[in-house]
């Protein structure tokens, strides 16, 4: 996977939360999922977010969070009492949300750092392994006067700005591998590893074209985090198996709704037409 050279990659930009028509907001959690396709029959799929830690550390915690944040039919908003009770029962989430709230927000997808929040293990040919986490650090920056004119007032401004930039030039991220040390948690995605851990610059991810989700290359991909090449193995993080199972169920349901699904609200051709003189 990390041999010198180039290999194809397919990516999907999205907003977290599972709401396909949510309005873009500066604080919305942004996601980048990637599929790497090295020579041969292997592949690597990974999902990353622009937050430093995950909000929960177990499938039960995620389920409880969904119940606590579900809108009340009478008000259309979550019941504060349910959220208070949830945080009392899940102090790890309260700590994680505090860390997430302190993150620096970038202007868009192109300058976001995307983190793989679960730990994995790199295993060599002799069977020795080391815990790892990975991140994608943006290499692309634009001067203020060159920034696209989309604003948070536009419902799809994050995606429209991304499309406008990709129509002008490729976007790039450095793949940085962080090596864990003894005592670093591998089973709890709510806890960050200490600063100063060794890092390896493993290469550059380049995205050079963009398409709508309607019939694009990523439409038929289930970004299952357990699709791994030789040498990368799951850690003891319980979220990995839960994510794998839920993604499979979600993918199957979406595949059955293709005919009922309305066209994507994000349309690269429309963005290109609006940019033409």
C-alpha atoms as a PDB file:
ATOM      1  CA  UNK A   1       0.000   0.000   0.000  1.00  0.00           C
ATOM      2  CA  UNK A   2       2.832   2.413   0.807  1.00  0.00           C
ATOM      3  CA  UNK A   3       5.267   1.474  -1.946  1.00  0.00           C
ATOM      4  CA  UNK A   4       6.684   4.305  -4.036  1.00  0.00           C
ATOM      5  CA  UNK A   5       4.504   5.186  -7.018  1.00  0.00           C
ATOM      6  CA  UNK A   6       0.918   6.103  -7.715  1.00  0.00           C
ATOM      7  CA  UNK A   7      -2.360   4.263  -7.220  1.00  0.00           C
ATOM      8  CA  UNK A   8      -5.972   5.223  -7.940  1.00  0.00           C
ATOM      9  CA  UNK A   9      -8.231   6.514  -5.191  1.00  0.00           C
ATOM     10  CA  UNK A  10     -11.964   7.229  -5.075  1.00  0.00           C
ATOM     11  CA  UNK A  11     -13.307   9.589  -2.425  1.00  0.00           C
ATOM     12  CA  UNK A  12     -16.606  10.826  -1.050  1.00  0.00           C
ATOM     13  CA  UNK A  13     -17.103  14.171   0.654  1.00  0.00           C
ATOM     14  CA  UNK A  14     -20.119  14.387   2.941  1.00  0.00           C
ATOM     15  CA  UNK A  15     -21.552  15.869   6.107  1.00  0.00           C
ATOM     16  CA  UNK A  16     -21.952  13.653   9.165  1.00  0.00           C
ATOM     17  CA  UNK A  17     -25.345  12.940  10.642  1.00  0.00           C
ATOM     18  CA  UNK A  18     -27.084  10.872   8.009  1.00  0.00           C
ATOM     19  CA  UNK A  19     -29.415  13.677   6.858  1.00  0.00           C
ATOM     20  CA  UNK A  20     -29.138  13.880   3.052  1.00  0.00           C
ATOM     21  CA  UNK A  21     -30.713  17.339   2.717  1.00  0.00           C
ATOM     22  CA  UNK A  22     -29.237  19.113   5.729  1.00  0.00           C
ATOM     23  CA  UNK A  23     -28.130  22.704   5.203  1.00  0.00           C
ATOM     24  CA  UNK A  24     -24.386  23.358   5.123  1.00  0.00           C
ATOM     25  CA  UNK A  25     -23.160  25.144   8.250  1.00  0.00           C
ATOM     26  CA  UNK A  26     -19.635  26.189   9.302  1.00  0.00           C
ATOM     27  CA  UNK A  27     -19.649  23.892  12.349  1.00  0.00           C
ATOM     28  CA  UNK A  28     -21.124  20.894  10.506  1.00  0.00           C
ATOM     29  CA  UNK A  29     -18.883  17.856  10.857  1.00  0.00           C
ATOM     30  CA  UNK A  30     -17.290  17.177   7.463  1.00  0.00           C
ATOM     31  CA  UNK A  31     -16.285  13.734   6.273  1.00  0.00           C
ATOM     32  CA  UNK A  32     -13.927  12.313   3.694  1.00  0.00           C
ATOM     33  CA  UNK A  33     -14.117   8.602   2.881  1.00  0.00           C
ATOM     34  CA  UNK A  34     -11.487   7.053   0.634  1.00  0.00           C
ATOM     35  CA  UNK A  35     -10.953   3.832  -1.288  1.00  0.00           C
ATOM     36  CA  UNK A  36      -7.344   3.046  -2.252  1.00  0.00           C
ATOM     37  CA  UNK A  37      -6.806   0.530  -5.046  1.00  0.00           C
ATOM     38  CA  UNK A  38      -3.227  -0.799  -5.200  1.00  0.00           C
ATOM     39  CA  UNK A  39      -2.195  -3.309  -7.868  1.00  0.00           C
ATOM     40  CA  UNK A  40      -3.659  -6.759  -7.334  1.00  0.00           C
ATOM     41  CA  UNK A  41      -6.875  -7.776  -5.617  1.00  0.00           C
ATOM     42  CA  UNK A  42      -6.449  -5.841  -2.367  1.00  0.00           C
ATOM     43  CA  UNK A  43      -7.925  -2.492  -1.356  1.00  0.00           C
ATOM     44  CA  UNK A  44      -8.135  -0.155   1.609  1.00  0.00           C
ATOM     45  CA  UNK A  45     -11.229   1.793   2.655  1.00  0.00           C
ATOM     46  CA  UNK A  46     -11.249   4.410   5.369  1.00  0.00           C
ATOM     47  CA  UNK A  47     -13.645   7.032   6.680  1.00  0.00           C
ATOM     48  CA  UNK A  48     -12.356  10.214   8.304  1.00  0.00           C
ATOM     49  CA  UNK A  49     -13.870  13.283   9.991  1.00  0.00           C
ATOM     50  CA  UNK A  50     -12.717  16.843  10.668  1.00  0.00           C
ATOM     51  CA  UNK A  51     -12.981  16.393  14.443  1.00  0.00           C
ATOM     52  CA  UNK A  52     -10.167  15.321  16.808  1.00  0.00           C
ATOM     53  CA  UNK A  53     -12.071  12.546  18.612  1.00  0.00           C
ATOM     54  CA  UNK A  54     -15.354  10.667  18.249  1.00  0.00           C
ATOM     55  CA  UNK A  55     -18.261  11.494  20.530  1.00  0.00           C
ATOM     56  CA  UNK A  56     -18.857   7.938  21.778  1.00  0.00           C
ATOM     57  CA  UNK A  57     -16.744   4.839  22.369  1.00  0.00           C
ATOM     58  CA  UNK A  58     -19.272   2.021  21.957  1.00  0.00           C
ATOM     59  CA  UNK A  59     -22.247   0.976  19.868  1.00  0.00           C
ATOM     60  CA  UNK A  60     -24.456   1.292  22.949  1.00  0.00           C
ATOM     61  CA  UNK A  61     -23.245   4.822  23.527  1.00  0.00           C
ATOM     62  CA  UNK A  62     -24.036   5.745  19.925  1.00  0.00           C
ATOM     63  CA  UNK A  63     -27.520   4.239  20.225  1.00  0.00           C
ATOM     64  CA  UNK A  64     -28.172   6.092  23.476  1.00  0.00           C
ATOM     65  CA  UNK A  65     -26.984   9.314  21.860  1.00  0.00           C
ATOM     66  CA  UNK A  66     -29.413   8.873  18.977  1.00  0.00           C
ATOM     67  CA  UNK A  67     -32.285   8.472  21.420  1.00  0.00           C
ATOM     68  CA  UNK A  68     -31.194  11.480  23.494  1.00  0.00           C
ATOM     69  CA  UNK A  69     -30.871  13.783  20.477  1.00  0.00           C
ATOM     70  CA  UNK A  70     -34.036  12.682  18.656  1.00  0.00           C
ATOM     71  CA  UNK A  71     -36.349  15.682  18.078  1.00  0.00           C
ATOM     72  CA  UNK A  72     -39.458  15.902  20.223  1.00  0.00           C
ATOM     73  CA  UNK A  73     -42.526  15.693  17.890  1.00  0.00           C
ATOM     74  CA  UNK A  74     -44.125  18.629  19.738  1.00  0.00           C
ATOM     75  CA  UNK A  75     -41.176  21.052  19.562  1.00  0.00           C
ATOM     76  CA  UNK A  76     -39.082  19.705  16.685  1.00  0.00           C
ATOM     77  CA  UNK A  77     -36.048  19.930  18.977  1.00  0.00           C
ATOM     78  CA  UNK A  78     -34.287  17.439  21.275  1.00  0.00           C
ATOM     79  CA  UNK A  79     -35.466  17.250  24.869  1.00  0.00           C
ATOM     80  CA  UNK A  80     -32.724  18.917  27.006  1.00  0.00           C
ATOM     81  CA  UNK A  81     -33.558  16.650  29.937  1.00  0.00           C
ATOM     82  CA  UNK A  82     -32.817  13.549  27.859  1.00  0.00           C
ATOM     83  CA  UNK A  83     -29.468  14.974  26.753  1.00  0.00           C
ATOM     84  CA  UNK A  84     -28.562  15.850  30.335  1.00  0.00           C
ATOM     85  CA  UNK A  85     -29.354  12.320  31.440  1.00  0.00           C
ATOM     86  CA  UNK A  86     -27.375  10.868  28.542  1.00  0.00           C
ATOM     87  CA  UNK A  87     -24.255  12.901  29.363  1.00  0.00           C
ATOM     88  CA  UNK A  88     -24.538  11.929  33.018  1.00  0.00           C
ATOM     89  CA  UNK A  89     -24.568   8.281  32.005  1.00  0.00           C
ATOM     90  CA  UNK A  90     -21.757   8.750  29.467  1.00  0.00           C
ATOM     91  CA  UNK A  91     -19.052  10.998  30.944  1.00  0.00           C
ATOM     92  CA  UNK A  92     -16.711   9.956  28.120  1.00  0.00           C
ATOM     93  CA  UNK A  93     -19.025  11.731  25.680  1.00  0.00           C
ATOM     94  CA  UNK A  94     -19.111  14.887  27.793  1.00  0.00           C
ATOM     95  CA  UNK A  95     -15.291  15.000  27.707  1.00  0.00           C
ATOM     96  CA  UNK A  96     -15.178  14.273  23.986  1.00  0.00           C
ATOM     97  CA  UNK A  97     -17.709  16.984  23.146  1.00  0.00           C
ATOM     98  CA  UNK A  98     -15.616  19.448  25.122  1.00  0.00           C
ATOM     99  CA  UNK A  99     -12.573  18.562  23.016  1.00  0.00           C
ATOM    100  CA  UNK A 100     -14.565  18.766  19.782  1.00  0.00           C
ATOM    101  CA  UNK A 101     -15.975  22.182  20.700  1.00  0.00           C
ATOM    102  CA  UNK A 102     -12.445  23.617  20.952  1.00  0.00           C
ATOM    103  CA  UNK A 103     -11.374  22.609  17.447  1.00  0.00           C
ATOM    104  CA  UNK A 104     -10.452  25.278  14.908  1.00  0.00           C
ATOM    105  CA  UNK A 105     -12.943  25.463  12.060  1.00  0.00           C
ATOM    106  CA  UNK A 106     -11.538  25.806   8.562  1.00  0.00           C
ATOM    107  CA  UNK A 107     -13.388  27.513   5.731  1.00  0.00           C
ATOM    108  CA  UNK A 108     -14.330  24.431   3.753  1.00  0.00           C
ATOM    109  CA  UNK A 109     -13.579  20.873   2.709  1.00  0.00           C
ATOM    110  CA  UNK A 110     -10.372  21.802   0.904  1.00  0.00           C
ATOM    111  CA  UNK A 111      -8.557  23.089   4.004  1.00  0.00           C
ATOM    112  CA  UNK A 112      -9.981  20.620   6.533  1.00  0.00           C
ATOM    113  CA  UNK A 113      -7.820  18.102   8.357  1.00  0.00           C
ATOM    114  CA  UNK A 114      -9.569  14.730   8.264  1.00  0.00           C
ATOM    115  CA  UNK A 115      -8.809  12.256  11.055  1.00  0.00           C
ATOM    116  CA  UNK A 116      -9.290   8.520  11.192  1.00  0.00           C
ATOM    117  CA  UNK A 117     -10.567   8.399  14.775  1.00  0.00           C
ATOM    118  CA  UNK A 118     -10.301   4.652  15.361  1.00  0.00           C
ATOM    119  CA  UNK A 119      -7.020   2.905  16.074  1.00  0.00           C
ATOM    120  CA  UNK A 120      -5.697   0.138  13.833  1.00  0.00           C
ATOM    121  CA  UNK A 121      -2.523  -1.943  13.820  1.00  0.00           C
ATOM    122  CA  UNK A 122       0.248  -2.096  11.245  1.00  0.00           C
ATOM    123  CA  UNK A 123       1.718  -5.613  11.118  1.00  0.00           C
ATOM    124  CA  UNK A 124       4.985  -6.490   9.387  1.00  0.00           C
ATOM    125  CA  UNK A 125       5.992  -9.739   7.722  1.00  0.00           C
ATOM    126  CA  UNK A 126       7.471 -11.046  10.980  1.00  0.00           C
ATOM    127  CA  UNK A 127       4.186 -10.524  12.825  1.00  0.00           C
ATOM    128  CA  UNK A 128       5.332  -7.525  14.884  1.00  0.00           C
ATOM    129  CA  UNK A 129       2.631  -4.873  15.178  1.00  0.00           C
ATOM    130  CA  UNK A 130       2.288  -1.246  16.235  1.00  0.00           C
ATOM    131  CA  UNK A 131      -0.921   0.707  16.953  1.00  0.00           C
ATOM    132  CA  UNK A 132      -1.625   3.548  14.530  1.00  0.00           C
ATOM    133  CA  UNK A 133      -4.047   6.310  13.767  1.00  0.00           C
ATOM    134  CA  UNK A 134      -3.997   8.354  10.570  1.00  0.00           C
ATOM    135  CA  UNK A 135      -4.906  11.822   9.383  1.00  0.00           C
ATOM    136  CA  UNK A 136      -5.103  13.679   6.083  1.00  0.00           C
ATOM    137  CA  UNK A 137      -3.561  17.157   6.348  1.00  0.00           C
ATOM    138  CA  UNK A 138      -4.532  19.728   3.678  1.00  0.00           C
ATOM    139  CA  UNK A 139      -1.850  21.043   1.334  1.00  0.00           C
ATOM    140  CA  UNK A 140      -4.120  23.370  -0.605  1.00  0.00           C
ATOM    141  CA  UNK A 141      -4.623  26.949   0.496  1.00  0.00           C
ATOM    142  CA  UNK A 142      -6.098  29.956  -1.254  1.00  0.00           C
ATOM    143  CA  UNK A 143      -5.585  33.681  -0.725  1.00  0.00           C
ATOM    144  CA  UNK A 144      -8.685  35.470   0.540  1.00  0.00           C
ATOM    145  CA  UNK A 145      -9.313  37.186  -2.781  1.00  0.00           C
ATOM    146  CA  UNK A 146      -9.331  33.815  -4.580  1.00  0.00           C
ATOM    147  CA  UNK A 147     -11.838  32.163  -2.290  1.00  0.00           C
ATOM    148  CA  UNK A 148     -15.134  31.168  -3.958  1.00  0.00           C
ATOM    149  CA  UNK A 149     -17.932  33.610  -3.318  1.00  0.00           C
ATOM    150  CA  UNK A 150     -20.329  31.078  -1.794  1.00  0.00           C
ATOM    151  CA  UNK A 151     -21.341  32.023   1.731  1.00  0.00           C
ATOM    152  CA  UNK A 152     -22.959  30.205   4.656  1.00  0.00           C
ATOM    153  CA  UNK A 153     -26.232  31.739   3.448  1.00  0.00           C
ATOM    154  CA  UNK A 154     -26.214  29.223   0.590  1.00  0.00           C
ATOM    155  CA  UNK A 155     -27.667  25.849   1.550  1.00  0.00           C
ATOM    156  CA  UNK A 156     -24.897  23.929  -0.238  1.00  0.00           C
ATOM    157  CA  UNK A 157     -22.063  26.444   0.108  1.00  0.00           C
ATOM    158  CA  UNK A 158     -19.486  23.920   1.370  1.00  0.00           C
ATOM    159  CA  UNK A 159     -20.047  21.608  -1.576  1.00  0.00           C
ATOM    160  CA  UNK A 160     -20.403  24.399  -4.132  1.00  0.00           C
ATOM    161  CA  UNK A 161     -17.075  25.895  -3.013  1.00  0.00           C
ATOM    162  CA  UNK A 162     -15.417  22.467  -3.195  1.00  0.00           C
ATOM    163  CA  UNK A 163     -16.702  21.940  -6.737  1.00  0.00           C
ATOM    164  CA  UNK A 164     -15.598  25.418  -7.831  1.00  0.00           C
ATOM    165  CA  UNK A 165     -12.085  24.808  -6.526  1.00  0.00           C
ATOM    166  CA  UNK A 166     -11.774  21.375  -8.111  1.00  0.00           C
ATOM    167  CA  UNK A 167     -12.844  22.864 -11.422  1.00  0.00           C
ATOM    168  CA  UNK A 168      -9.763  25.105 -11.176  1.00  0.00           C
ATOM    169  CA  UNK A 169      -7.085  22.797  -9.743  1.00  0.00           C
ATOM    170  CA  UNK A 170      -6.557  19.485  -7.908  1.00  0.00           C
ATOM    171  CA  UNK A 171      -6.772  19.382  -4.119  1.00  0.00           C
ATOM    172  CA  UNK A 172      -4.217  17.546  -2.014  1.00  0.00           C
ATOM    173  CA  UNK A 173      -3.757  16.131   1.484  1.00  0.00           C
ATOM    174  CA  UNK A 174      -0.730  14.533   3.166  1.00  0.00           C
ATOM    175  CA  UNK A 175      -1.402  11.115   4.673  1.00  0.00           C
ATOM    176  CA  UNK A 176       0.201  11.197   8.127  1.00  0.00           C
ATOM    177  CA  UNK A 177       0.475   7.997  10.166  1.00  0.00           C
ATOM    178  CA  UNK A 178       0.716   8.461  13.950  1.00  0.00           C
ATOM    179  CA  UNK A 179       2.445   5.648  15.850  1.00  0.00           C
ATOM    180  CA  UNK A 180       1.019   4.778  19.237  1.00  0.00           C
ATOM    181  CA  UNK A 181       3.116   3.928  22.272  1.00  0.00           C
ATOM    182  CA  UNK A 182       2.433   1.561  25.189  1.00  0.00           C
ATOM    183  CA  UNK A 183      -0.479   2.848  27.213  1.00  0.00           C
ATOM    184  CA  UNK A 184      -2.111   4.763  24.354  1.00  0.00           C
ATOM    185  CA  UNK A 185      -5.761   3.641  24.187  1.00  0.00           C
ATOM    186  CA  UNK A 186      -6.691   1.646  21.117  1.00  0.00           C
ATOM    187  CA  UNK A 187     -10.229   0.752  22.236  1.00  0.00           C
ATOM    188  CA  UNK A 188     -11.616   4.241  22.923  1.00  0.00           C
ATOM    189  CA  UNK A 189     -12.090   6.749  20.093  1.00  0.00           C
ATOM    190  CA  UNK A 190     -13.131   9.501  22.523  1.00  0.00           C
ATOM    191  CA  UNK A 191      -9.589   9.807  23.910  1.00  0.00           C
ATOM    192  CA  UNK A 192      -6.886  11.604  21.892  1.00  0.00           C
ATOM    193  CA  UNK A 193      -3.348  10.283  21.912  1.00  0.00           C
ATOM    194  CA  UNK A 194      -0.774  12.594  23.512  1.00  0.00           C
ATOM    195  CA  UNK A 195       0.939  15.194  21.336  1.00  0.00           C
ATOM    196  CA  UNK A 196       4.433  14.389  20.198  1.00  0.00           C
ATOM    197  CA  UNK A 197       3.856  10.825  19.078  1.00  0.00           C
ATOM    198  CA  UNK A 198       6.078   9.787  16.123  1.00  0.00           C
ATOM    199  CA  UNK A 199       4.527  10.402  12.716  1.00  0.00           C
ATOM    200  CA  UNK A 200       5.277   9.054   9.261  1.00  0.00           C
ATOM    201  CA  UNK A 201       4.565  11.013   6.095  1.00  0.00           C
ATOM    202  CA  UNK A 202       3.082   8.224   3.982  1.00  0.00           C
ATOM    203  CA  UNK A 203       2.282  10.098   0.778  1.00  0.00           C
ATOM    204  CA  UNK A 204      -0.045  12.553  -0.928  1.00  0.00           C
ATOM    205  CA  UNK A 205      -3.725  12.086  -1.720  1.00  0.00           C
ATOM    206  CA  UNK A 206      -4.735  14.064  -4.811  1.00  0.00           C
ATOM    207  CA  UNK A 207      -8.352  14.632  -5.798  1.00  0.00           C
ATOM    208  CA  UNK A 208      -8.471  15.962  -9.359  1.00  0.00           C
ATOM    209  CA  UNK A 209     -12.072  15.588 -10.484  1.00  0.00           C
ATOM    210  CA  UNK A 210     -15.531  15.706  -8.940  1.00  0.00           C
ATOM    211  CA  UNK A 211     -18.953  14.290  -9.773  1.00  0.00           C
ATOM    212  CA  UNK A 212     -22.415  14.254  -8.258  1.00  0.00           C
ATOM    213  CA  UNK A 213     -23.354  11.213  -6.193  1.00  0.00           C
ATOM    214  CA  UNK A 214     -25.893  10.427  -8.937  1.00  0.00           C
ATOM    215  CA  UNK A 215     -24.086   7.634 -10.754  1.00  0.00           C
ATOM    216  CA  UNK A 216     -20.578   8.607  -9.627  1.00  0.00           C
ATOM    217  CA  UNK A 217     -17.788   6.158  -8.832  1.00  0.00           C
ATOM    218  CA  UNK A 218     -18.420   6.304  -5.072  1.00  0.00           C
ATOM    219  CA  UNK A 219     -22.148   5.519  -5.294  1.00  0.00           C
ATOM    220  CA  UNK A 220     -21.553   1.773  -5.334  1.00  0.00           C
ATOM    221  CA  UNK A 221     -18.934   1.740  -2.566  1.00  0.00           C
ATOM    222  CA  UNK A 222     -19.654   0.768   1.016  1.00  0.00           C
ATOM    223  CA  UNK A 223     -16.842   2.525   2.905  1.00  0.00           C
ATOM    224  CA  UNK A 224     -16.527  -0.321   5.395  1.00  0.00           C
ATOM    225  CA  UNK A 225     -13.566   0.409   7.716  1.00  0.00           C
ATOM    226  CA  UNK A 226     -12.745  -3.285   7.926  1.00  0.00           C
ATOM    227  CA  UNK A 227     -11.913  -3.563   4.220  1.00  0.00           C
ATOM    228  CA  UNK A 228      -8.165  -3.614   4.788  1.00  0.00           C
ATOM    229  CA  UNK A 229      -5.089  -4.724   2.841  1.00  0.00           C
ATOM    230  CA  UNK A 230      -2.455  -7.116   4.128  1.00  0.00           C
ATOM    231  CA  UNK A 231      -0.454  -5.429   6.871  1.00  0.00           C
ATOM    232  CA  UNK A 232      -3.290  -3.340   8.305  1.00  0.00           C
ATOM    233  CA  UNK A 233      -5.459  -5.005  10.940  1.00  0.00           C
ATOM    234  CA  UNK A 234      -8.280  -3.866  13.255  1.00  0.00           C
ATOM    235  CA  UNK A 235      -7.498  -2.864  16.803  1.00  0.00           C
ATOM    236  CA  UNK A 236      -9.654  -3.790  19.787  1.00  0.00           C
ATOM    237  CA  UNK A 237     -11.864  -0.722  19.233  1.00  0.00           C
ATOM    238  CA  UNK A 238     -15.471  -2.020  19.478  1.00  0.00           C
ATOM    239  CA  UNK A 239     -16.718   0.678  17.119  1.00  0.00           C
ATOM    240  CA  UNK A 240     -14.977  -0.922  14.138  1.00  0.00           C
ATOM    241  CA  UNK A 241     -17.160  -4.033  14.010  1.00  0.00           C
ATOM    242  CA  UNK A 242     -20.240  -1.938  14.800  1.00  0.00           C
ATOM    243  CA  UNK A 243     -19.474   0.482  11.971  1.00  0.00           C
ATOM    244  CA  UNK A 244     -18.892  -2.389   9.569  1.00  0.00           C
ATOM    245  CA  UNK A 245     -22.254  -3.968  10.374  1.00  0.00           C
ATOM    246  CA  UNK A 246     -24.218  -0.708  10.305  1.00  0.00           C
ATOM    247  CA  UNK A 247     -22.606   0.453   7.053  1.00  0.00           C
ATOM    248  CA  UNK A 248     -23.548  -2.833   5.392  1.00  0.00           C
ATOM    249  CA  UNK A 249     -27.163  -2.482   6.516  1.00  0.00           C
ATOM    250  CA  UNK A 250     -27.308   1.158   5.449  1.00  0.00           C
ATOM    251  CA  UNK A 251     -25.753   0.411   2.069  1.00  0.00           C
ATOM    252  CA  UNK A 252     -28.286  -2.350   1.424  1.00  0.00           C
ATOM    253  CA  UNK A 253     -31.201  -0.051   2.298  1.00  0.00           C
ATOM    254  CA  UNK A 254     -29.894   2.761   0.080  1.00  0.00           C
ATOM    255  CA  UNK A 255     -29.345   0.375  -2.809  1.00  0.00           C
ATOM    256  CA  UNK A 256     -33.017  -0.589  -2.599  1.00  0.00           C
ATOM    257  CA  UNK A 257     -34.109   3.040  -2.794  1.00  0.00           C
ATOM    258  CA  UNK A 258     -32.282   4.027  -5.978  1.00  0.00           C
ATOM    259  CA  UNK A 259     -35.438   4.404  -8.031  1.00  0.00           C
ATOM    260  CA  UNK A 260     -37.163   6.470  -5.331  1.00  0.00           C
ATOM    261  CA  UNK A 261     -34.229   8.751  -4.612  1.00  0.00           C
ATOM    262  CA  UNK A 262     -34.535  12.332  -5.895  1.00  0.00           C
ATOM    263  CA  UNK A 263     -31.605  13.864  -7.778  1.00  0.00           C
ATOM    264  CA  UNK A 264     -28.730  15.113  -5.668  1.00  0.00           C
ATOM    265  CA  UNK A 265     -28.987  18.725  -4.493  1.00  0.00           C
ATOM    266  CA  UNK A 266     -25.265  19.083  -5.203  1.00  0.00           C
ATOM    267  CA  UNK A 267     -24.725  19.432  -8.943  1.00  0.00           C
ATOM    268  CA  UNK A 268     -21.217  20.055 -10.318  1.00  0.00           C
ATOM    269  CA  UNK A 269     -22.574  21.034 -13.724  1.00  0.00           C
ATOM    270  CA  UNK A 270     -24.783  23.728 -12.217  1.00  0.00           C
ATOM    271  CA  UNK A 271     -21.847  25.124 -10.252  1.00  0.00           C
ATOM    272  CA  UNK A 272     -19.728  25.189 -13.417  1.00  0.00           C
ATOM    273  CA  UNK A 273     -22.477  27.009 -15.350  1.00  0.00           C
ATOM    274  CA  UNK A 274     -22.823  29.640 -12.640  1.00  0.00           C
ATOM    275  CA  UNK A 275     -19.050  30.260 -12.764  1.00  0.00           C
ATOM    276  CA  UNK A 276     -18.941  30.661 -16.553  1.00  0.00           C
ATOM    277  CA  UNK A 277     -18.896  34.265 -17.847  1.00  0.00           C
END
